[in-house]
Amino acid sequence: MSYLPCELHCHSNHGEGNFSVSELLQKSADDHLALIAITDKNTTDGFAELDDSVTPSIKGMECATPYGSLLALGIDSAVDTSNTTPDNIDSLIQELRGNGAVVGISHPFDENGAWKFNLRNHRNIDFIEVWHGAFTFANAENDKALAMWTELLDKGCHIACTYGKDWKNDENCGHFGCTYLDIDGEINQHNALKALRMGKSVASTGVKFFFRVHQKGVTYTIGETLKKGSSVFSFFTDLHSREKNSGTEEVEYQTIKLITNGGVCVMETAVSERHIHINLKDNHWYRAELWGKVDGEKKLLAVTSPIYTA
């Protein structure tokens, strides 16, 4: 198990970005990112410049339309969105996933690209970008995306969470986060997509934070499904991970919350706590949230994808 910092939403100068692909790769290496996804809008021209010897990468594209945007990760060629309408988005998603892509909703409440599709089967969505852009810690867009994700989890969807910087230039040089992926084995596109598809992700302001669940002699990880009943959660927190990206804010890490259906908090404990016992209910989801204070104001600092019970 190795939760590694990744950036899954990047634009090069083949699209809206200022940097060449090679510059993005080098900046990512300098920033100690384990992997990035190149996701230029409606073009894959940058693929030829990718070099995994600098930074491992995912070939992707932001499928941008007047009705919102999808991130298609793990594609080989550009996706035609010219005939996409609010009512046929399911067909596009099914085609992408049928070809092996991992598909997510990017910044669903961004004022320049809000989600307006009439998606019928949300179970075909692999992830939602619940946090987007540089952190201002007062972002209504992100709050709405988190609420949307919670509603879909309540409907029985197994959907992972991600953070996306939407990297285009260095204008956001303050506090930015990352997506931690539990990449098993070599760091490459295949294994990163496998982790994301399995829901093994954490959206974070920078701190590394994840958990395991122990039940009847078996250990489960984020994204997995287990039975109801008595369980032990073990939390792992590295408060200094990516500390250099923390900006100028004064951050104090305080509590861990365990959240379930309806966004209800079923447990809150000190960040120093390592193990807690809880009785899991049938047909529920459970995610962990790390909370603290930023310049004295209480804020959510990291959120895991859920485990599920059946």
Protein backbone atom coordinates (compact mmCIF):
# COMPACT_ATOMS: atom_id res chain seq x y z
CA MET A 1 0.00 0.00 0.00
CA SER A 2 1.52 3.30 -1.08
CA TYR A 3 -0.56 6.47 -1.20
CA LEU A 4 1.35 8.73 -3.57
CA PRO A 5 0.73 12.40 -4.46
CA CYS A 6 -0.63 12.87 -7.99
CA GLU A 7 -2.04 15.72 -10.08
CA LEU A 8 -4.84 14.50 -12.34
CA HIS A 9 -5.84 17.72 -14.12
CA CYS A 10 -3.09 19.47 -16.13
CA HIS A 11 -3.12 21.65 -19.25
CA SER A 12 -0.13 22.17 -21.56
CA ASN A 13 0.50 24.75 -24.27
CA HIS A 14 -1.31 22.44 -26.67
CA GLY A 15 -4.43 23.76 -24.95
CA GLU A 16 -5.00 26.42 -22.29
CA GLY A 17 -1.69 26.01 -20.47
CA ASN A 18 1.44 28.10 -20.65
CA PHE A 19 3.91 25.25 -20.22
CA SER A 20 5.10 22.69 -22.72
CA VAL A 21 4.53 19.06 -21.79
CA SER A 22 8.22 18.66 -20.99
CA GLU A 23 8.08 21.69 -18.69
CA LEU A 24 5.04 20.26 -16.89
CA LEU A 25 6.83 16.97 -16.39
CA GLN A 26 9.95 18.64 -15.01
CA LYS A 27 7.96 20.95 -12.72
CA SER A 28 6.09 17.88 -11.44
CA ALA A 29 9.37 16.08 -10.75
CA ASP A 30 10.72 19.16 -8.96
CA ASP A 31 7.52 19.23 -6.90
CA HIS A 32 7.91 15.54 -5.98
CA LEU A 33 4.64 14.51 -7.58
CA ALA A 34 4.60 10.78 -8.26
CA LEU A 35 2.44 11.03 -11.38
CA ILE A 36 0.41 13.53 -13.41
CA ALA A 37 -2.36 13.34 -16.01
CA ILE A 38 -2.16 15.46 -19.16
CA THR A 39 -5.75 16.58 -19.77
CA ASP A 40 -5.79 19.29 -22.42
CA LYS A 41 -9.25 20.34 -23.56
CA ASN A 42 -10.46 18.35 -26.55
CA THR A 43 -6.97 17.52 -27.83
CA THR A 44 -4.34 14.85 -27.29
CA ASP A 45 -1.56 16.57 -29.27
CA GLY A 46 0.68 16.59 -26.20
CA PHE A 47 0.86 12.80 -25.88
CA ALA A 48 3.88 12.52 -28.17
CA GLU A 49 5.95 14.62 -25.73
CA LEU A 50 5.28 12.53 -22.62
CA ASP A 51 8.35 11.00 -20.97
CA ASP A 52 7.81 8.70 -18.00
CA SER A 53 11.52 8.81 -17.19
CA VAL A 54 10.96 12.39 -15.97
CA THR A 55 7.51 11.96 -14.39
CA PRO A 56 5.16 9.02 -14.98
CA SER A 57 1.95 10.18 -16.62
CA ILE A 58 -1.59 9.32 -17.64
CA LYS A 59 -2.80 10.10 -21.14
CA GLY A 60 -6.05 11.98 -20.72
CA MET A 61 -8.30 14.67 -22.07
CA GLU A 62 -10.78 17.12 -20.65
CA CYS A 63 -13.90 16.57 -22.74
CA ALA A 64 -15.13 20.15 -22.63
CA THR A 65 -18.62 21.03 -23.85
CA PRO A 66 -21.05 23.91 -23.29
CA TYR A 67 -22.84 21.66 -20.78
CA GLY A 68 -19.91 20.74 -18.56
CA SER A 69 -16.69 18.76 -18.67
CA LEU A 70 -15.53 15.18 -18.22
CA LEU A 71 -12.02 13.99 -17.49
CA ALA A 72 -11.29 10.91 -19.61
CA LEU A 73 -8.12 9.21 -18.31
CA GLY A 74 -6.34 6.40 -20.09
CA ILE A 75 -7.20 7.18 -23.71
CA ASP A 76 -5.11 6.79 -26.86
CA SER A 77 -6.69 9.40 -29.13
CA ALA A 78 -8.89 12.47 -28.98
CA VAL A 79 -12.54 12.06 -28.05
CA ASP A 80 -15.13 13.58 -30.39
CA THR A 81 -17.60 15.60 -28.32
CA SER A 82 -19.09 17.59 -31.19
CA ASN A 83 -22.39 15.70 -31.08
CA THR A 84 -22.66 15.55 -27.30
CA THR A 85 -25.85 16.99 -25.86
CA PRO A 86 -27.27 17.22 -22.32
CA ASP A 87 -29.34 14.11 -23.02
CA ASN A 88 -26.83 11.73 -24.64
CA ILE A 89 -23.89 12.04 -22.24
CA ASP A 90 -24.47 8.47 -20.99
CA SER A 91 -23.58 7.11 -24.43
CA LEU A 92 -20.27 8.98 -24.48
CA ILE A 93 -19.36 7.78 -20.98
CA GLN A 94 -20.25 4.17 -21.80
CA GLU A 95 -18.12 4.35 -24.96
CA LEU A 96 -15.16 5.77 -23.04
CA ARG A 97 -15.36 3.18 -20.28
CA GLY A 98 -15.86 0.43 -22.82
CA ASN A 99 -12.52 1.43 -24.32
CA GLY A 100 -10.82 1.21 -20.93
CA ALA A 101 -10.93 4.84 -19.83
CA VAL A 102 -11.55 6.00 -16.28
CA VAL A 103 -14.12 8.80 -16.39
CA GLY A 104 -14.81 11.59 -13.93
CA ILE A 105 -16.74 14.83 -13.61
CA SER A 106 -14.44 17.84 -13.47
CA HIS A 107 -15.32 20.96 -11.42
CA PRO A 108 -19.11 20.40 -11.58
CA PHE A 109 -19.91 23.84 -10.16
CA ASP A 110 -17.23 25.95 -11.84
CA GLU A 111 -18.80 29.17 -13.09
CA ASN A 112 -17.13 28.69 -16.49
CA GLY A 113 -17.94 25.01 -16.89
CA ALA A 114 -20.78 23.93 -14.60
CA TRP A 115 -22.30 20.45 -14.99
CA LYS A 116 -25.60 20.71 -16.89
CA PHE A 117 -25.88 17.19 -18.30
CA ASN A 118 -28.91 15.00 -17.66
CA LEU A 119 -26.86 11.99 -16.67
CA ARG A 120 -29.12 8.98 -16.16
CA ASN A 121 -26.68 6.41 -14.80
CA HIS A 122 -24.29 7.96 -12.30
CA ARG A 123 -22.85 4.51 -11.60
CA ASN A 124 -20.86 4.89 -14.81
CA ILE A 125 -18.90 7.74 -13.22
CA ASP A 126 -15.62 6.61 -11.65
CA PHE A 127 -14.76 9.81 -9.78
CA ILE A 128 -15.77 13.38 -9.05
CA GLU A 129 -13.35 16.28 -8.72
CA VAL A 130 -14.69 17.39 -5.35
CA TRP A 131 -11.93 19.97 -4.86
CA HIS A 132 -10.71 22.18 -7.69
CA GLY A 133 -8.13 24.91 -8.10
CA ALA A 134 -5.90 26.65 -5.59
CA PHE A 135 -7.23 26.59 -2.05
CA THR A 136 -8.80 29.76 -0.77
CA PHE A 137 -10.56 27.82 2.02
CA ALA A 138 -13.70 29.78 1.22
CA ASN A 139 -14.78 28.08 -1.97
CA ALA A 140 -18.53 27.60 -2.45
CA GLU A 141 -17.86 25.68 -5.68
CA ASN A 142 -15.98 22.99 -3.79
CA ASP A 143 -18.58 22.83 -1.03
CA LYS A 144 -21.28 22.15 -3.63
CA ALA A 145 -19.18 19.46 -5.34
CA LEU A 146 -18.64 17.70 -2.02
CA ALA A 147 -22.39 17.78 -1.35
CA MET A 148 -23.10 16.40 -4.84
CA TRP A 149 -20.71 13.53 -4.22
CA THR A 150 -22.36 12.77 -0.87
CA GLU A 151 -25.81 12.64 -2.53
CA LEU A 152 -24.55 10.18 -5.15
CA LEU A 153 -22.98 7.97 -2.49
CA ASP A 154 -26.36 7.96 -0.74
CA LYS A 155 -27.93 6.68 -3.96
CA GLY A 156 -25.64 3.65 -3.91
CA CYS A 157 -23.00 4.85 -6.35
CA HIS A 158 -19.41 3.80 -5.74
CA ILE A 159 -17.58 6.96 -6.80
CA ALA A 160 -14.08 8.07 -5.83
CA CYS A 161 -13.06 11.61 -4.94
CA THR A 162 -10.20 13.59 -6.48
CA TYR A 163 -8.55 16.98 -6.24
CA GLY A 164 -7.67 18.84 -9.45
CA LYS A 165 -5.42 21.87 -9.58
CA ASP A 166 -6.49 22.48 -13.20
CA TRP A 167 -2.83 23.36 -13.73
CA LYS A 168 -2.28 25.90 -16.49
CA ASN A 169 0.47 28.17 -15.19
CA ASP A 170 2.14 29.26 -11.97
CA GLU A 171 -0.35 31.99 -11.09
CA ASN A 172 -1.63 29.89 -8.19
CA CYS A 173 1.63 29.70 -6.31
CA GLY A 174 0.00 29.60 -2.88
CA HIS A 175 -1.73 26.66 -1.27
CA PHE A 176 -2.64 23.79 -3.60
CA GLY A 177 -3.41 20.16 -2.94
CA CYS A 178 -3.17 16.80 -4.64
CA THR A 179 -4.88 13.46 -5.05
CA TYR A 180 -3.24 10.59 -3.19
CA LEU A 181 -3.60 7.29 -5.06
CA ASP A 182 -2.92 3.89 -3.52
CA ILE A 183 -0.74 2.72 -6.40
CA ASP A 184 0.30 -0.91 -6.14
CA GLY A 185 3.55 -1.79 -7.89
CA GLU A 186 5.31 0.31 -10.51
CA ILE A 187 4.16 3.91 -10.86
CA ASN A 188 2.60 3.99 -14.30
CA GLN A 189 -0.67 4.73 -16.08
CA HIS A 190 -2.05 1.20 -15.73
CA ASN A 191 -1.55 0.95 -11.98
CA ALA A 192 -2.68 4.52 -11.29
CA LEU A 193 -5.91 4.00 -13.25
CA LYS A 194 -6.47 0.72 -11.46
CA ALA A 195 -6.23 2.50 -8.10
CA LEU A 196 -8.64 5.23 -9.18
CA ARG A 197 -11.08 2.78 -10.73
CA MET A 198 -11.09 0.82 -7.46
CA GLY A 199 -11.80 3.98 -5.46
CA LYS A 200 -8.45 4.07 -3.67
CA SER A 201 -8.05 7.84 -3.56
CA VAL A 202 -7.80 10.75 -1.14
CA ALA A 203 -8.40 14.43 -1.96
CA SER A 204 -6.13 16.55 0.19
CA THR A 205 -4.85 20.04 0.79
CA GLY A 206 -1.45 18.35 0.99
CA VAL A 207 -1.41 16.18 4.12
CA LYS A 208 -1.23 12.42 3.58
CA PHE A 209 -4.23 10.77 5.25
CA PHE A 210 -5.84 7.36 4.81
CA PHE A 211 -7.21 4.42 6.78
CA ARG A 212 -7.57 0.66 6.90
CA VAL A 213 -10.40 -1.36 8.43
CA HIS A 214 -9.86 -4.59 10.36
CA GLN A 215 -12.77 -6.99 10.65
CA LYS A 216 -12.70 -10.63 11.77
CA GLY A 217 -9.03 -11.07 10.95
CA VAL A 218 -9.25 -9.43 7.51
CA THR A 219 -7.85 -6.00 6.59
CA TYR A 220 -9.76 -3.82 4.11
CA THR A 221 -8.64 -0.68 2.35
CA ILE A 222 -10.39 2.40 0.98
CA GLY A 223 -12.72 1.54 -1.90
CA GLU A 224 -13.48 -2.00 -0.76
CA THR A 225 -16.76 -3.56 0.40
CA LEU A 226 -17.11 -5.44 3.67
CA LYS A 227 -19.79 -6.81 5.97
CA LYS A 228 -21.65 -4.99 8.72
CA GLY A 229 -20.53 -5.49 12.30
CA SER A 230 -17.76 -4.69 14.74
CA SER A 231 -14.71 -3.16 13.05
CA VAL A 232 -11.49 -1.35 13.90
CA PHE A 233 -10.42 1.68 11.86
CA SER A 234 -6.68 2.41 11.77
CA PHE A 235 -5.79 5.94 10.65
CA PHE A 236 -2.49 6.97 9.07
CA THR A 237 -1.57 10.64 8.94
CA ASP A 238 1.59 12.38 7.72
CA LEU A 239 1.04 16.02 8.61
CA HIS A 240 4.31 17.09 7.01
CA SER A 241 3.74 15.51 3.60
CA ARG A 242 3.95 18.21 0.91
CA GLU A 243 4.41 20.81 3.63
CA LYS A 244 6.25 23.11 1.27
CA ASN A 245 3.03 23.54 -0.72
CA SER A 246 1.10 24.77 2.29
CA GLY A 247 1.16 28.47 1.43
CA THR A 248 1.32 31.18 4.06
CA GLU A 249 -1.71 30.13 6.10
CA GLU A 250 -1.36 28.95 9.68
CA VAL A 251 -2.75 25.41 9.64
CA GLU A 252 -3.61 23.43 12.77
CA TYR A 253 -4.68 19.79 12.36
CA GLN A 254 -7.21 18.83 15.02
CA THR A 255 -9.75 16.05 14.49
CA ILE A 256 -10.69 13.04 12.39
CA LYS A 257 -14.36 12.51 11.54
CA LEU A 258 -15.97 9.35 10.22
CA ILE A 259 -18.84 10.29 7.90
CA THR A 260 -21.59 8.00 6.65
CA ASN A 261 -24.92 8.12 4.78
CA GLY A 262 -26.53 11.53 4.66
CA GLY A 263 -23.24 13.18 5.58
CA VAL A 264 -23.79 12.17 9.21
CA CYS A 265 -20.76 12.14 11.50
CA VAL A 266 -20.74 8.88 13.48
CA MET A 267 -17.40 9.44 15.19
CA GLU A 268 -15.00 12.29 15.90
CA THR A 269 -11.63 11.84 17.54
CA ALA A 270 -8.33 13.65 17.98
CA VAL A 271 -5.93 13.63 15.04
CA SER A 272 -3.44 11.82 17.25
CA GLU A 273 -5.81 8.85 17.62
CA ARG A 274 -4.67 5.79 15.66
CA HIS A 275 -7.41 3.20 16.22
CA ILE A 276 -11.15 3.40 16.85
CA HIS A 277 -13.84 0.74 17.22
CA ILE A 278 -17.18 1.13 15.47
CA ASN A 279 -20.13 -1.06 14.59
CA LEU A 280 -20.71 -0.77 10.84
CA LYS A 281 -24.28 -0.81 9.53
CA ASP A 282 -25.50 -2.72 6.50
CA ASN A 283 -25.71 -0.94 3.11
CA HIS A 284 -23.74 2.11 4.22
CA TRP A 285 -20.69 4.00 3.07
CA TYR A 286 -18.02 5.42 5.37
CA ARG A 287 -15.38 8.02 4.55
CA ALA A 288 -12.83 9.73 6.80
CA GLU A 289 -12.32 13.47 6.97
CA LEU A 290 -9.40 15.36 8.50
CA TRP A 291 -10.39 18.70 10.04
CA GLY A 292 -8.43 21.58 11.51
CA LYS A 293 -8.12 25.33 11.61
CA VAL A 294 -6.74 27.59 8.89
CA ASP A 295 -5.85 31.01 10.23
CA GLY A 296 -8.17 30.25 13.13
CA GLU A 297 -11.16 29.13 11.02
CA LYS A 298 -12.37 25.51 11.07
CA LYS A 299 -11.85 23.79 7.69
CA LEU A 300 -11.87 20.38 6.02
CA LEU A 301 -8.28 19.52 5.07
CA ALA A 302 -8.49 16.01 3.58
CA VAL A 303 -11.23 13.56 2.61
CA THR A 304 -10.92 9.90 1.67
CA SER A 305 -12.99 7.91 -0.77
CA PRO A 306 -15.32 5.56 1.13
CA ILE A 307 -15.46 1.96 2.12
CA TYR A 308 -18.84 0.28 1.63
CA THR A 309 -20.91 -2.34 3.44
CA ALA A 310 -23.23 -4.86 1.85
